[in-house]
C-alpha atoms as a PDB file:
ATOM      1  CA  GLU A   1     -35.594 -63.937 -27.937  1.00  0.00           C
ATOM      2  CA  GLU A   2     -33.309 -61.400 -26.263  1.00  0.00           C
ATOM      3  CA  ASN A   3     -35.290 -58.603 -27.912  1.00  0.00           C
ATOM      4  CA  LYS A   4     -38.499 -59.936 -26.333  1.00  0.00           C
ATOM      5  CA  VAL A   5     -36.878 -59.887 -22.898  1.00  0.00           C
ATOM      6  CA  LEU A   6     -35.549 -56.376 -23.445  1.00  0.00           C
ATOM      7  CA  LYS A   7     -38.941 -55.245 -24.752  1.00  0.00           C
ATOM      8  CA  ALA A   8     -40.670 -56.724 -21.683  1.00  0.00           C
ATOM      9  CA  ARG A   9     -38.161 -55.012 -19.367  1.00  0.00           C
ATOM     10  CA  LEU A  10     -38.630 -51.759 -21.238  1.00  0.00           C
ATOM     11  CA  ASP A  11     -42.422 -52.074 -20.976  1.00  0.00           C
ATOM     12  CA  ASP A  12     -42.075 -52.792 -17.240  1.00  0.00           C
ATOM     13  CA  ALA A  13     -39.753 -49.786 -16.795  1.00  0.00           C
ATOM     14  CA  ASP A  14     -42.192 -47.601 -18.723  1.00  0.00           C
ATOM     15  CA  ALA A  15     -45.075 -48.784 -16.528  1.00  0.00           C
ATOM     16  CA  ARG A  16     -43.092 -48.086 -13.335  1.00  0.00           C
ATOM     17  CA  LEU A  17     -42.052 -44.688 -14.651  1.00  0.00           C
ATOM     18  CA  GLU A  18     -45.672 -43.895 -15.494  1.00  0.00           C
ATOM     19  CA  ALA A  19     -46.708 -44.944 -11.986  1.00  0.00           C
ATOM     20  CA  VAL A  20     -43.991 -42.779 -10.411  1.00  0.00           C
ATOM     21  CA  LEU A  21     -44.944 -39.826 -12.617  1.00  0.00           C
ATOM     22  CA  ASN A  22     -48.603 -40.270 -11.685  1.00  0.00           C
ATOM     23  CA  GLN A  23     -47.687 -40.406  -7.989  1.00  0.00           C
ATOM     24  CA  PHE A  24     -45.480 -37.338  -8.424  1.00  0.00           C
ATOM     25  CA  GLU A  25     -48.309 -35.440 -10.156  1.00  0.00           C
ATOM     26  CA  GLU A  26     -50.718 -36.403  -7.368  1.00  0.00           C
ATOM     27  CA  GLU A  27     -48.253 -35.221  -4.735  1.00  0.00           C
ATOM     28  CA  LYS A  28     -47.773 -31.956  -6.637  1.00  0.00           C
ATOM     29  CA  ARG A  29     -51.560 -31.519  -6.784  1.00  0.00           C
ATOM     30  CA  VAL A  30     -51.885 -32.167  -3.041  1.00  0.00           C
ATOM     31  CA  MET A  31     -48.989 -29.810  -2.276  1.00  0.00           C
ATOM     32  CA  ARG A  32     -50.430 -27.068  -4.515  1.00  0.00           C
ATOM     33  CA  ALA A  33     -53.795 -27.412  -2.771  1.00  0.00           C
ATOM     34  CA  ALA A  34     -52.083 -27.215   0.622  1.00  0.00           C
ATOM     35  CA  ALA A  35     -50.040 -24.200  -0.504  1.00  0.00           C
ATOM     36  CA  LYS A  36     -53.182 -22.481  -1.790  1.00  0.00           C
ATOM     37  CA  LYS A  37     -54.925 -23.168   1.522  1.00  0.00           C
ATOM     38  CA  GLN A  38     -51.928 -21.858   3.485  1.00  0.00           C
ATOM     39  CA  THR A  39     -51.730 -18.772   1.264  1.00  0.00           C
ATOM     40  CA  GLU A  40     -55.408 -18.023   1.932  1.00  0.00           C
ATOM     41  CA  GLU A  41     -54.937 -18.637   5.636  1.00  0.00           C
ATOM     42  CA  SER A  42     -51.904 -16.322   5.645  1.00  0.00           C
ATOM     43  CA  ARG A  43     -53.909 -13.635   3.832  1.00  0.00           C
ATOM     44  CA  LYS A  44     -56.681 -13.896   6.425  1.00  0.00           C
ATOM     45  CA  LEU A  45     -54.152 -13.796   9.263  1.00  0.00           C
ATOM     46  CA  ARG A  46     -52.449 -10.700   7.788  1.00  0.00           C
ATOM     47  CA  GLU A  47     -55.851  -9.033   7.484  1.00  0.00           C
ATOM     48  CA  LYS A  48     -56.757  -9.964  11.085  1.00  0.00           C
ATOM     49  CA  ASN A  49     -53.329  -8.800  12.225  1.00  0.00           C
ATOM     50  CA  GLY A  50     -53.900  -5.430  10.552  1.00  0.00           C
ATOM     51  CA  GLN A  51     -57.256  -5.093  12.277  1.00  0.00           C
ATOM     52  CA  LEU A  52     -55.727  -6.015  15.630  1.00  0.00           C
ATOM     53  CA  GLU A  53     -52.903  -3.513  15.148  1.00  0.00           C
ATOM     54  CA  GLU A  54     -55.435  -0.747  14.470  1.00  0.00           C
ATOM     55  CA  GLU A  55     -57.498  -1.780  17.495  1.00  0.00           C
ATOM     56  CA  ASN A  56     -54.302  -1.869  19.541  1.00  0.00           C
ATOM     57  CA  LYS A  57     -53.443   1.715  18.472  1.00  0.00           C
ATOM     58  CA  VAL A  58     -56.909   2.913  19.463  1.00  0.00           C
ATOM     59  CA  LEU A  59     -56.749   1.122  22.819  1.00  0.00           C
ATOM     60  CA  LYS A  60     -53.256   2.490  23.537  1.00  0.00           C
ATOM     61  CA  ALA A  61     -54.448   6.018  22.751  1.00  0.00           C
ATOM     62  CA  ARG A  62     -57.459   5.551  25.032  1.00  0.00           C
ATOM     63  CA  LEU A  63     -55.211   4.160  27.758  1.00  0.00           C
ATOM     64  CA  ASP A  64     -52.803   7.094  27.428  1.00  0.00           C
ATOM     65  CA  ASP A  65     -55.761   9.484  27.654  1.00  0.00           C
ATOM     66  CA  ALA A  66     -57.136   7.669  30.704  1.00  0.00           C
ATOM     67  CA  ASP A  67     -53.692   7.766  32.348  1.00  0.00           C
ATOM     68  CA  ALA A  68     -53.416  11.511  31.707  1.00  0.00           C
ATOM     69  CA  ARG A  69     -56.901  12.136  33.109  1.00  0.00           C
ATOM     70  CA  LEU A  70     -56.166   9.969  36.149  1.00  0.00           C
ATOM     71  CA  GLU A  71     -52.922  11.828  36.794  1.00  0.00           C
ATOM     72  CA  ALA A  72     -54.765  15.166  36.545  1.00  0.00           C
ATOM     73  CA  VAL A  73     -57.426  13.971  39.013  1.00  0.00           C
ATOM     74  CA  LEU A  74     -54.769  12.666  41.414  1.00  0.00           C
ATOM     75  CA  ASN A  75     -52.881  15.963  41.203  1.00  0.00           C
ATOM     76  CA  GLN A  76     -56.097  17.871  41.882  1.00  0.00           C
ATOM     77  CA  PHE A  77     -56.880  15.545  44.788  1.00  0.00           C
ATOM     78  CA  GLU A  78     -53.396  16.090  46.272  1.00  0.00           C
ATOM     79  CA  GLU A  79     -53.806  19.870  45.933  1.00  0.00           C
ATOM     80  CA  GLU A  80     -57.232  19.752  47.596  1.00  0.00           C
ATOM     81  CA  LYS A  81     -55.796  17.595  50.373  1.00  0.00           C
ATOM     82  CA  ARG A  82     -52.977  20.102  50.894  1.00  0.00           C
ATOM     83  CA  VAL A  83     -55.463  22.992  51.066  1.00  0.00           C
ATOM     84  CA  MET A  84     -57.714  21.054  53.455  1.00  0.00           C
ATOM     85  CA  ARG A  85     -54.777  20.158  55.718  1.00  0.00           C
ATOM     86  CA  ALA A  86     -53.705  23.803  55.800  1.00  0.00           C
ATOM     87  CA  ALA A  87     -57.285  24.834  56.641  1.00  0.00           C
ATOM     88  CA  ALA A  88     -57.524  22.131  59.324  1.00  0.00           C
ATOM     89  CA  LYS A  89     -54.225  23.267  60.836  1.00  0.00           C
ATOM     90  CA  LYS A  90     -55.476  26.866  60.861  1.00  0.00           C
ATOM     91  CA  GLN A  91     -58.779  25.801  62.443  1.00  0.00           C
ATOM     92  CA  THR A  92     -56.948  23.736  65.057  1.00  0.00           C
ATOM     93  CA  GLU A  93     -54.820  26.738  65.975  1.00  0.00           C
ATOM     94  CA  GLU A  94     -57.916  28.962  66.076  1.00  0.00           C
ATOM     95  CA  SER A  95     -59.725  26.435  68.293  1.00  0.00           C
ATOM     96  CA  ARG A  96     -56.737  26.282  70.630  1.00  0.00           C
ATOM     97  CA  LYS A  97     -56.752  30.087  70.911  1.00  0.00           C
ATOM     98  CA  LEU A  98     -60.525  30.123  71.482  1.00  0.00           C
ATOM     99  CA  ARG A  99     -60.258  27.454  74.217  1.00  0.00           C
ATOM    100  CA  GLU A 100     -57.528  29.506  75.811  1.00  0.00           C
ATOM    101  CA  LYS A 101     -59.654  32.664  75.581  1.00  0.00           C
ATOM    102  CA  ASN A 102     -62.697  30.762  76.947  1.00  0.00           C
ATOM    103  CA  GLY A 103     -60.596  29.580  79.864  1.00  0.00           C
ATOM    104  CA  GLN A 104     -59.519  33.149  80.595  1.00  0.00           C
ATOM    105  CA  LEU A 105     -63.087  34.440  80.325  1.00  0.00           C
ATOM    106  CA  GLU A 106     -64.382  31.707  82.628  1.00  0.00           C
ATOM    107  CA  GLU A 107     -61.731  32.679  85.182  1.00  0.00           C
ATOM    108  CA  GLU A 108     -62.694  36.366  84.859  1.00  0.00           C
ATOM    109  CA  ASN A 109     -66.376  35.484  85.216  1.00  0.00           C
ATOM    110  CA  LYS A 110     -65.661  33.497  88.387  1.00  0.00           C
ATOM    111  CA  VAL A 111     -63.770  36.453  89.809  1.00  0.00           C
ATOM    112  CA  LEU A 112     -66.546  38.837  88.849  1.00  0.00           C
ATOM    113  CA  LYS A 113     -69.306  36.730  90.433  1.00  0.00           C
END
């Protein structure tokens, strides 16, 4: 009689163990599938990251080039402005002298008339 009880308990323990093992195997399968999916996603992200890094290098180089060209244009503009200011100053002085000379000539002409 005791053997029957022990056998029944053993059968019950075996059934529960089988159920736990089955659940464990299912969880392992789900986790492996998730890990495989994450691994693939990581691979794609690394690939995209590499592409973005290359694009970033190209854009930085283009930006550096544009900055250098802009600086050259601004320097040229400043030089042209300096030259134009010097020319304007010279022309202003020349105009002042010509107005002065015109004033003198007008006075002389009045005297001569």
